[in-house]
N, C-alpha and C. Protein backbone atom coordinates (compact mmCIF):
# COMPACT_ATOMS: atom_id res chain seq x y z
N MET A 1 -75.76 10.48 147.49
CA MET A 1 -74.95 9.30 147.40
C MET A 1 -73.50 9.64 147.68
N SER A 2 -72.85 8.73 148.36
CA SER A 2 -71.44 8.97 148.65
C SER A 2 -70.59 8.30 147.58
N LYS A 3 -69.56 8.97 147.21
CA LYS A 3 -68.69 8.45 146.16
C LYS A 3 -67.58 7.60 146.79
N LYS A 4 -67.31 6.45 146.20
CA LYS A 4 -66.26 5.56 146.72
C LYS A 4 -64.89 6.15 146.40
N PRO A 5 -63.93 5.87 147.23
CA PRO A 5 -62.57 6.36 146.93
C PRO A 5 -62.05 5.70 145.66
N GLU A 6 -61.38 6.44 144.85
CA GLU A 6 -60.89 5.92 143.57
C GLU A 6 -59.52 5.26 143.67
N THR A 7 -58.94 5.23 144.83
CA THR A 7 -57.60 4.65 144.97
C THR A 7 -57.61 3.16 144.65
N LEU A 8 -58.62 2.44 145.13
CA LEU A 8 -58.68 1.01 144.84
C LEU A 8 -58.98 0.76 143.37
N ASP A 9 -59.89 1.54 142.80
CA ASP A 9 -60.25 1.36 141.40
C ASP A 9 -59.10 1.75 140.48
N SER A 10 -58.36 2.77 140.86
CA SER A 10 -57.26 3.20 139.99
C SER A 10 -56.09 2.22 140.03
N GLN A 11 -55.95 1.45 141.11
CA GLN A 11 -54.86 0.47 141.20
C GLN A 11 -55.24 -0.85 140.54
N ALA A 12 -56.50 -1.10 140.41
CA ALA A 12 -56.95 -2.38 139.87
C ALA A 12 -56.45 -2.65 138.45
N PRO A 13 -56.54 -1.70 137.51
CA PRO A 13 -56.03 -2.00 136.17
C PRO A 13 -54.53 -2.28 136.17
N ALA A 14 -53.78 -1.55 136.98
CA ALA A 14 -52.33 -1.80 137.04
C ALA A 14 -52.06 -3.18 137.63
N ALA A 15 -52.81 -3.54 138.65
CA ALA A 15 -52.64 -4.86 139.27
C ALA A 15 -53.01 -5.96 138.28
N ARG A 16 -54.07 -5.71 137.51
CA ARG A 16 -54.48 -6.72 136.52
C ARG A 16 -53.43 -6.87 135.44
N SER A 17 -52.86 -5.76 134.98
CA SER A 17 -51.87 -5.87 133.91
C SER A 17 -50.60 -6.52 134.42
N SER A 18 -50.19 -6.23 135.66
CA SER A 18 -48.99 -6.88 136.17
C SER A 18 -49.25 -8.37 136.39
N GLU A 19 -50.47 -8.71 136.81
CA GLU A 19 -50.84 -10.12 136.95
C GLU A 19 -50.83 -10.80 135.59
N ALA A 20 -51.35 -10.13 134.58
CA ALA A 20 -51.36 -10.68 133.22
C ALA A 20 -49.93 -10.84 132.70
N GLU A 21 -49.09 -9.86 132.98
CA GLU A 21 -47.69 -9.95 132.55
C GLU A 21 -46.99 -11.11 133.24
N ARG A 22 -47.28 -11.30 134.52
CA ARG A 22 -46.66 -12.40 135.26
C ARG A 22 -47.12 -13.75 134.71
N ARG A 23 -48.43 -13.87 134.40
CA ARG A 23 -48.94 -15.12 133.82
C ARG A 23 -48.33 -15.38 132.46
N GLU A 24 -48.18 -14.32 131.65
CA GLU A 24 -47.58 -14.48 130.33
C GLU A 24 -46.12 -14.92 130.45
N LEU A 25 -45.40 -14.32 131.39
CA LEU A 25 -44.00 -14.70 131.61
C LEU A 25 -43.91 -16.16 132.06
N ASP A 26 -44.79 -16.56 132.99
CA ASP A 26 -44.82 -17.96 133.44
C ASP A 26 -45.11 -18.90 132.29
N ARG A 27 -46.07 -18.52 131.45
CA ARG A 27 -46.44 -19.36 130.29
C ARG A 27 -45.26 -19.51 129.34
N LYS A 28 -44.56 -18.39 129.09
CA LYS A 28 -43.40 -18.45 128.20
C LYS A 28 -42.29 -19.31 128.78
N GLN A 29 -42.09 -19.23 130.09
CA GLN A 29 -41.07 -20.05 130.73
C GLN A 29 -41.42 -21.53 130.66
N ARG A 30 -42.71 -21.85 130.87
CA ARG A 30 -43.13 -23.25 130.76
C ARG A 30 -42.96 -23.76 129.34
N ALA A 31 -43.31 -22.93 128.36
CA ALA A 31 -43.18 -23.33 126.95
C ALA A 31 -41.71 -23.54 126.60
N ALA A 32 -40.83 -22.68 127.09
CA ALA A 32 -39.41 -22.83 126.81
C ALA A 32 -38.87 -24.11 127.44
N ALA A 33 -39.32 -24.42 128.65
CA ALA A 33 -38.89 -25.65 129.31
C ALA A 33 -39.37 -26.87 128.55
N LYS A 34 -40.61 -26.85 128.07
CA LYS A 34 -41.14 -27.97 127.29
C LYS A 34 -40.37 -28.14 125.98
N LEU A 35 -40.03 -27.03 125.34
CA LEU A 35 -39.27 -27.10 124.09
C LEU A 35 -37.90 -27.70 124.33
N ARG A 36 -37.24 -27.29 125.42
CA ARG A 36 -35.92 -27.87 125.74
C ARG A 36 -36.04 -29.36 126.01
N GLU A 37 -37.08 -29.76 126.77
CA GLU A 37 -37.30 -31.16 127.07
C GLU A 37 -37.53 -31.96 125.80
N ASN A 38 -38.35 -31.44 124.90
CA ASN A 38 -38.65 -32.10 123.63
C ASN A 38 -37.39 -32.22 122.78
N LEU A 39 -36.59 -31.16 122.74
CA LEU A 39 -35.37 -31.19 121.95
C LEU A 39 -34.41 -32.25 122.48
N MET A 40 -34.26 -32.33 123.79
CA MET A 40 -33.37 -33.34 124.38
C MET A 40 -33.87 -34.75 124.07
N ARG A 41 -35.18 -34.96 124.14
CA ARG A 41 -35.75 -36.28 123.84
C ARG A 41 -35.50 -36.65 122.38
N ARG A 42 -35.72 -35.69 121.48
CA ARG A 42 -35.52 -35.97 120.06
C ARG A 42 -34.06 -36.22 119.74
N LYS A 43 -33.15 -35.49 120.39
CA LYS A 43 -31.72 -35.73 120.18
C LYS A 43 -31.35 -37.13 120.65
N GLY A 44 -31.91 -37.54 121.78
CA GLY A 44 -31.65 -38.89 122.28
C GLY A 44 -32.16 -39.95 121.33
N GLN A 45 -33.34 -39.73 120.76
CA GLN A 45 -33.89 -40.68 119.79
C GLN A 45 -33.00 -40.76 118.55
N SER A 46 -32.50 -39.63 118.10
CA SER A 46 -31.63 -39.59 116.93
C SER A 46 -30.33 -40.34 117.20
N ARG A 47 -29.76 -40.11 118.38
CA ARG A 47 -28.52 -40.81 118.75
C ARG A 47 -28.75 -42.32 118.82
N ALA A 48 -29.90 -42.72 119.37
CA ALA A 48 -30.21 -44.14 119.48
C ALA A 48 -30.34 -44.78 118.10
N ARG A 49 -30.91 -44.06 117.15
CA ARG A 49 -31.04 -44.60 115.80
C ARG A 49 -29.67 -44.76 115.15
N ARG A 50 -28.80 -43.78 115.35
CA ARG A 50 -27.48 -43.85 114.74
C ARG A 50 -26.62 -44.92 115.38
N ALA A 51 -26.83 -45.22 116.65
CA ALA A 51 -26.03 -46.20 117.36
C ALA A 51 -26.36 -47.63 116.93
N GLY A 52 -27.58 -47.84 116.43
CA GLY A 52 -28.00 -49.17 116.01
C GLY A 52 -27.46 -49.52 114.63
N GLU A 53 -27.63 -50.78 114.26
CA GLU A 53 -27.20 -51.22 112.93
C GLU A 53 -28.21 -50.77 111.89
N ALA A 54 -27.75 -50.72 110.66
CA ALA A 54 -28.61 -50.31 109.56
C ALA A 54 -29.74 -51.30 109.38
N ASP A 55 -30.89 -50.82 109.03
CA ASP A 55 -32.05 -51.67 108.79
C ASP A 55 -31.93 -52.27 107.40
N GLU A 56 -31.81 -53.59 107.33
CA GLU A 56 -31.57 -54.29 106.07
C GLU A 56 -32.86 -54.73 105.38
N THR A 57 -34.01 -54.49 105.97
CA THR A 57 -35.25 -54.97 105.39
C THR A 57 -35.60 -54.21 104.12
N GLN A 58 -36.31 -54.88 103.24
CA GLN A 58 -36.80 -54.30 102.00
C GLN A 58 -38.31 -54.25 102.09
N GLY A 59 -38.88 -53.09 102.26
CA GLY A 59 -40.33 -52.97 102.33
C GLY A 59 -40.88 -53.49 103.64
N LEU A 60 -42.16 -53.82 103.63
CA LEU A 60 -42.80 -54.33 104.82
C LEU A 60 -42.55 -55.83 104.96
N PRO A 61 -42.29 -56.31 106.17
CA PRO A 61 -42.05 -57.75 106.36
C PRO A 61 -43.24 -58.60 105.93
N ALA A 62 -44.44 -58.12 106.10
CA ALA A 62 -45.63 -58.89 105.74
C ALA A 62 -45.82 -59.00 104.24
N SER A 63 -45.12 -58.21 103.46
CA SER A 63 -45.31 -58.26 102.02
C SER A 63 -44.39 -59.26 101.32
N SER A 64 -43.53 -59.92 102.08
CA SER A 64 -42.63 -60.90 101.45
C SER A 64 -43.40 -62.17 101.11
N PRO A 65 -42.99 -62.87 100.05
CA PRO A 65 -43.70 -64.09 99.64
C PRO A 65 -43.67 -65.18 100.71
N SER A 66 -42.60 -65.26 101.51
CA SER A 66 -42.53 -66.29 102.53
C SER A 66 -43.51 -66.02 103.68
N ALA A 67 -43.93 -64.79 103.82
CA ALA A 67 -44.87 -64.45 104.89
C ALA A 67 -46.32 -64.49 104.40
N ALA A 68 -46.53 -64.83 103.13
CA ALA A 68 -47.89 -64.85 102.59
C ALA A 68 -48.69 -65.96 103.24
N LYS A 69 -49.92 -65.63 103.60
CA LYS A 69 -50.81 -66.64 104.22
C LYS A 69 -51.62 -67.33 103.13
N THR A 70 -51.95 -68.56 103.37
CA THR A 70 -52.82 -69.29 102.43
C THR A 70 -54.26 -69.05 102.81
N ASP A 71 -55.13 -69.09 101.86
CA ASP A 71 -56.55 -68.90 102.10
C ASP A 71 -57.12 -70.19 102.64
N GLU A 72 -57.60 -70.18 103.86
CA GLU A 72 -58.10 -71.39 104.51
C GLU A 72 -59.55 -71.69 104.18
N SER A 73 -60.20 -70.84 103.43
CA SER A 73 -61.62 -71.07 103.14
C SER A 73 -61.83 -72.10 102.03
N SER A 74 -60.81 -72.39 101.22
CA SER A 74 -61.02 -73.34 100.12
C SER A 74 -60.65 -74.74 100.45
């Protein structure tokens, strides 16, 4: 039997690890971009809440006596 050259086999693990490192770096960059996007969105939501007037309601609107429904079955 003839033995295959080991040059291709010996480079394969290094190529796999560099490919894995590149994928991991890409994943980390995507995660960092998503975190920045989320942070900017949340900051915008916070600013929008502060820009509005204070909420004067007490509890749920449906729980007020004026909003109570009458029972139509009787």
